[in-house]
Protein backbone atom coordinates (compact mmCIF):
# COMPACT_ATOMS: atom_id res chain seq x y z
CA MET A 1 148.34 120.22 201.05
CA SER A 2 150.93 118.62 199.09
CA ALA A 3 151.08 118.75 195.17
CA LEU A 4 149.71 115.14 194.62
CA ASP A 5 146.84 115.70 196.87
CA GLY A 6 144.62 117.64 193.87
CA ALA A 7 141.60 117.40 195.96
CA SER A 8 141.51 121.29 196.91
CA ASP A 9 141.32 122.04 193.13
CA HIS A 10 138.03 119.76 192.37
CA GLY A 11 136.34 119.21 195.91
CA PRO A 12 136.57 116.65 198.90
CA GLY A 13 138.57 113.57 197.80
CA LYS A 14 136.72 110.46 196.30
CA ILE A 15 140.13 108.11 196.76
CA GLU A 16 142.39 108.83 199.51
CA VAL A 17 145.84 107.06 199.38
CA LYS A 18 147.78 106.92 202.41
CA ASP A 19 151.61 105.39 202.46
CA VAL A 20 150.73 102.62 200.10
CA ARG A 21 153.15 99.84 199.62
CA ARG A 22 153.07 96.49 197.71
CA VAL A 23 155.29 94.15 198.29
CA PHE A 24 155.81 90.70 196.29
CA GLY A 25 157.10 87.76 198.03
CA HIS A 26 158.44 88.25 201.82
CA PRO A 27 157.38 91.33 203.48
CA ALA A 28 161.53 91.88 204.38
CA LYS A 29 163.11 90.03 201.28
CA GLY A 30 160.32 90.44 198.64
CA PHE A 31 160.32 93.03 195.56
CA ILE A 32 158.84 95.86 196.24
CA ALA A 33 156.73 96.92 193.63
CA LEU A 34 155.04 100.30 194.56
CA GLY A 35 155.46 102.96 197.12
CA PRO A 36 154.97 104.73 199.49
CA VAL A 37 152.24 106.26 197.77
CA GLU A 38 150.00 109.25 198.67
CA LEU A 39 147.21 110.52 196.57
CA SER A 40 143.95 112.36 196.87
CA VAL A 41 141.44 112.02 193.84
CA ALA A 42 138.70 114.35 193.70
CA SER A 43 135.10 113.25 192.92
CA GLY A 44 134.52 113.79 189.10
CA GLU A 45 138.07 114.15 188.21
CA PHE A 46 139.41 112.52 185.54
CA LEU A 47 142.93 111.81 186.52
CA CYS A 48 145.88 110.38 184.26
CA ILE A 49 148.57 108.39 185.75
CA VAL A 50 151.94 108.17 183.43
CA GLY A 51 155.26 106.24 184.38
CA PRO A 52 157.82 103.80 183.17
CA SER A 53 156.57 100.16 182.26
CA GLY A 54 157.03 98.17 185.44
CA CYS A 55 156.62 101.27 188.10
CA GLY A 56 153.27 99.62 189.31
CA LYS A 57 150.66 101.76 187.82
CA SER A 58 148.55 98.88 186.95
CA THR A 59 149.07 97.35 190.53
CA LEU A 60 147.74 100.83 191.85
CA LEU A 61 144.59 100.84 189.81
CA ARG A 62 144.18 97.13 190.88
CA MET A 63 144.03 98.25 194.18
CA PHE A 64 141.35 100.78 193.46
CA ALA A 65 139.20 98.07 191.99
CA GLY A 66 139.81 95.56 194.79
CA LEU A 67 141.42 92.97 192.69
CA ASP A 68 144.72 93.48 194.75
CA CYS A 69 145.49 95.05 198.65
CA PRO A 70 148.34 97.09 199.83
CA SER A 71 150.95 95.32 201.92
CA THR A 72 150.93 98.41 204.07
CA GLY A 73 149.24 101.50 204.23
CA SER A 74 145.37 102.20 203.68
CA ILE A 75 142.83 103.02 200.27
CA ALA A 76 139.73 104.60 201.11
CA ILE A 77 136.95 105.00 198.82
CA ARG A 78 133.97 107.39 199.54
CA HIS A 79 130.92 105.39 198.39
CA ASP A 80 128.14 108.38 197.43
CA ASP A 81 125.45 106.49 195.87
CA THR A 82 124.57 102.80 196.91
CA THR A 83 122.34 102.27 193.91
CA ARG A 84 125.53 102.71 191.76
CA PRO A 85 128.50 100.15 191.61
CA MET A 86 131.77 101.26 193.15
CA THR A 87 133.72 100.84 190.32
CA ALA A 88 134.05 99.56 186.76
CA MET A 89 137.27 98.55 185.11
CA ILE A 90 138.15 98.58 181.32
CA PHE A 91 141.62 96.47 180.60
CA GLN A 92 144.08 97.05 177.73
CA GLN A 93 143.18 93.17 176.69
CA GLU A 94 139.60 92.44 175.25
CA SER A 95 137.49 91.60 177.89
CA VAL A 96 134.19 90.88 175.96
CA PHE A 97 132.51 87.56 176.42
CA PRO A 98 132.70 85.99 172.96
CA TRP A 99 129.63 83.85 173.37
CA LEU A 100 127.12 86.54 173.80
CA THR A 101 126.03 89.29 171.27
CA VAL A 102 127.08 93.15 171.34
CA GLU A 103 124.11 93.92 173.36
CA GLU A 104 124.19 91.03 175.55
CA ASN A 105 127.96 92.06 176.53
CA ALA A 106 126.70 95.73 176.98
CA ALA A 107 123.91 94.70 179.30
CA TYR A 108 126.16 92.20 181.29
CA GLY A 109 127.18 94.51 184.06
CA LEU A 110 123.79 96.10 184.49
CA LYS A 111 122.44 92.35 185.06
CA ALA A 112 125.59 91.20 187.21
CA THR A 113 125.89 94.68 189.48
CA ARG A 114 122.16 96.30 189.42
CA ASN A 115 119.97 93.46 188.66
CA TRP A 116 118.44 95.82 185.60
CA LYS A 117 116.12 93.52 183.34
CA GLY A 118 113.43 94.43 180.75
CA GLN A 119 112.38 97.65 179.24
CA GLU A 120 114.69 99.74 181.20
CA SER A 121 117.58 97.47 180.76
CA ARG A 122 117.40 97.84 177.08
CA GLU A 123 116.66 101.53 176.52
CA ARG A 124 119.78 101.89 178.67
CA VAL A 125 122.01 99.82 176.73
CA ASP A 126 120.53 100.83 173.53
CA TYR A 127 121.25 104.23 174.27
CA PHE A 128 125.18 103.77 174.96
CA LEU A 129 125.52 101.42 171.86
CA GLU A 130 124.33 104.31 169.88
CA LYS A 131 126.65 106.92 171.69
CA THR A 132 129.56 104.29 170.84
CA GLY A 133 128.43 103.61 167.63
CA LEU A 134 127.69 100.07 167.83
CA TYR A 135 123.95 100.06 167.91
CA SER A 136 123.67 98.77 164.18
CA PHE A 137 126.08 95.83 165.23
CA ARG A 138 123.90 95.01 168.26
CA LYS A 139 123.11 91.35 167.23
CA PHE A 140 126.65 90.67 166.05
CA ARG A 141 129.23 88.60 168.08
CA PRO A 142 132.62 89.75 168.88
CA ASP A 143 134.32 87.64 166.68
CA GLN A 144 132.80 89.78 163.82
CA LEU A 145 133.79 93.03 165.15
CA SER A 146 137.46 94.94 164.72
CA GLY A 147 139.57 95.54 167.82
CA GLY A 148 138.48 99.06 167.85
CA MET A 149 134.99 97.86 168.19
CA LYS A 150 135.45 95.75 171.12
CA GLN A 151 137.09 98.51 173.03
CA ARG A 152 134.03 100.64 172.20
CA LEU A 153 131.87 97.82 173.46
CA SER A 154 134.03 97.71 176.86
CA ILE A 155 133.27 101.69 177.35
CA ALA A 156 129.56 100.93 176.48
CA ARG A 157 129.35 98.45 179.15
CA ALA A 158 131.21 100.35 181.67
CA PHE A 159 129.30 103.36 181.02
CA ALA A 160 125.67 101.66 181.13
CA THR A 161 126.31 100.53 184.88
CA ASN A 162 126.94 104.40 186.05
CA PRO A 163 129.80 103.45 188.05
CA GLU A 164 131.34 106.11 190.54
CA ILE A 165 134.68 105.28 189.54
CA LEU A 166 135.57 104.46 185.95
CA LEU A 167 139.19 102.55 185.94
CA MET A 168 140.84 102.21 182.91
CA ASP A 169 144.14 100.55 182.04
CA GLU A 170 146.06 101.43 179.15
CA PRO A 171 142.50 100.96 177.04
CA PHE A 172 143.57 101.97 173.56
CA ALA A 173 147.17 100.85 173.48
CA ALA A 174 146.55 98.37 171.01
CA LEU A 175 144.68 100.25 168.46
CA ASP A 176 145.98 102.04 165.43
CA GLU A 177 146.44 105.62 165.61
CA GLN A 178 143.29 106.54 163.79
CA ASN A 179 141.01 104.37 165.82
CA LYS A 180 142.81 105.57 169.15
CA LEU A 181 142.22 109.57 168.25
CA LEU A 182 138.30 108.36 167.69
CA MET A 183 138.11 106.70 170.69
CA GLN A 184 139.59 109.41 172.79
CA GLN A 185 137.01 112.05 171.56
CA GLU A 186 134.14 109.18 172.42
CA LEU A 187 135.57 108.73 175.64
CA ALA A 188 135.55 112.40 176.46
CA SER A 189 132.28 113.16 175.04
CA LEU A 190 130.73 110.68 177.45
CA TRP A 191 132.89 111.75 180.56
CA GLU A 192 131.59 115.22 179.80
CA GLU A 193 127.97 113.92 180.03
CA PHE A 194 128.36 111.78 183.23
CA ARG A 195 131.28 112.73 184.89
CA SER A 196 132.36 109.49 186.71
CA THR A 197 135.56 109.94 188.38
CA VAL A 198 138.10 108.31 186.34
CA ILE A 199 141.75 106.88 186.75
CA PHE A 200 143.15 106.41 183.58
CA ILE A 201 146.76 104.63 182.60
CA THR A 202 148.48 105.69 179.84
CA HIS A 203 151.94 105.60 178.43
CA GLY A 204 150.94 108.72 175.88
CA LEU A 205 151.74 111.98 177.39
CA ASP A 206 149.76 113.42 174.51
CA GLU A 207 146.87 111.28 175.52
CA ALA A 208 146.78 112.14 179.10
CA VAL A 209 147.17 115.85 178.55
CA LEU A 210 143.94 115.71 175.92
CA LEU A 211 141.81 113.69 178.49
CA GLY A 212 143.02 114.54 181.81
CA ASP A 213 141.90 117.44 184.64
CA ARG A 214 145.42 116.55 186.15
CA VAL A 215 148.28 114.16 185.16
CA VAL A 216 150.17 112.58 187.78
CA VAL A 217 153.88 110.99 187.19
CA MET A 218 155.19 107.98 188.85
CA SER A 219 158.97 106.95 189.37
CA SER A 220 160.68 104.05 188.17
CA ALA A 221 160.05 101.15 190.50
CA PRO A 222 159.38 100.92 193.01
CA GLY A 223 156.74 103.40 191.84
CA ARG A 224 156.08 106.70 193.75
CA LEU A 225 154.09 109.72 192.52
CA ILE A 226 156.79 112.56 191.90
CA HIS A 227 154.87 115.04 190.06
CA SER A 228 151.37 116.46 189.62
CA MET A 229 150.44 118.62 186.99
CA GLN A 230 146.76 120.59 186.91
CA ILE A 231 145.86 120.84 182.82
CA ASP A 232 144.03 124.17 182.27
CA LEU A 233 142.55 123.36 178.69
CA PRO A 234 139.01 124.34 178.09
CA ARG A 235 136.65 121.75 177.67
CA PRO A 236 134.76 120.18 175.70
CA ARG A 237 138.23 119.26 174.26
CA HIS A 238 138.23 118.41 170.65
CA SER A 239 141.76 116.95 169.70
CA SER A 240 142.22 118.54 166.49
CA ASP A 241 141.89 122.20 168.13
CA ILE A 242 143.51 121.43 171.62
CA ARG A 243 146.79 120.07 169.71
CA ARG A 244 147.25 123.16 167.89
CA MET A 245 147.47 124.86 171.18
CA PRO A 246 150.72 126.05 172.48
CA GLU A 247 149.81 125.06 175.79
CA PHE A 248 149.08 121.66 174.68
CA THR A 249 152.75 121.29 173.61
CA ARG A 250 154.11 123.20 176.83
CA TYR A 251 152.37 120.23 178.83
CA THR A 252 153.84 117.62 177.00
CA SER A 253 157.20 118.97 176.97
CA GLU A 254 157.43 119.32 180.75
CA LEU A 255 155.91 116.47 181.57
CA TRP A 256 158.53 114.37 179.31
CA ASP A 257 161.08 116.39 180.95
CA ILE A 258 160.03 114.97 184.40
CA LEU A 259 159.15 111.32 183.08
CA GLY A 260 162.05 110.74 180.44
CA GLN A 261 164.48 110.91 183.39
CA GLU A 262 162.52 107.86 185.23
CA VAL A 263 162.22 106.07 181.99
CA LEU A 264 166.14 106.06 181.56
CA GLU A 265 166.24 104.82 185.30
CA ALA A 266 163.96 102.08 184.48
CA ARG A 267 166.13 100.87 181.47
CA ARG A 268 169.25 101.35 183.94
CA GLN A 269 167.32 98.83 186.61
CA GLU A 270 166.59 96.47 184.07
CA ALA A 271 170.14 96.55 182.63
CA ARG A 272 171.29 95.69 185.98
CA ARG A 273 168.99 93.11 186.89
CA ILE A 274 169.86 91.17 183.40
CA GLN A 275 173.58 91.40 184.62
CA ARG A 276 172.88 90.24 187.86
CA GLN A 277 170.83 86.98 186.52
CA GLY A 278 173.75 86.25 184.11
CA GLN A 279 176.66 86.18 186.62
């Protein structure tokens, strides 16, 4: 089993990615955005993906969500409980409905994917609004909320549906540092309780080490998975405690040693592209 599999450490594969490529445009002449990618993600694993901008991280995540398809290769996702939705996705951009209240937004996924109504739905929504600190704001509209509160609402809505797989595309990137730290802690706490499989894309190495069971590094475009690192830090993880550990610094430093070279290569690729356009 390859270093990028990881399933041997966590159990049978929940997601199996085999020789996946994504080409935009003509299959023979188009832009190769991704691949080849080989990856196994275990059930209940919290996997973080880091890589240079434009390497195909979000494209891969969209494939897991069924919003995009590989040009070649295959993605197999095991559905263990047909009473639960397969996936829920949280985007970097705000994705709440401005015409719905906080509680209506939080209940939307339940009604759309699980057809939950009445008291059972209200109790579940109230539980996750309480968990994310939004219960007192349940009658508010999104335009009355801060950016951090809107992202907490997105998380409450996703967890309320109890998905087997939670897909998160840089969900805290737009937040200030204080709110980011709080959101990381809240996410870690919810995951500890429900243990959905999580695929989390981030540019922050400290964020990846703080949250992940495993961190995989993608190369510059076309994105490939070039390194996998198991994060052997105790759980539950509290940000202030974990960041003081020498192991935390070692993990982030080792990841940057690998990722930094790919970031520089991505810059060189961008410079060459701009130069060709100017000729």
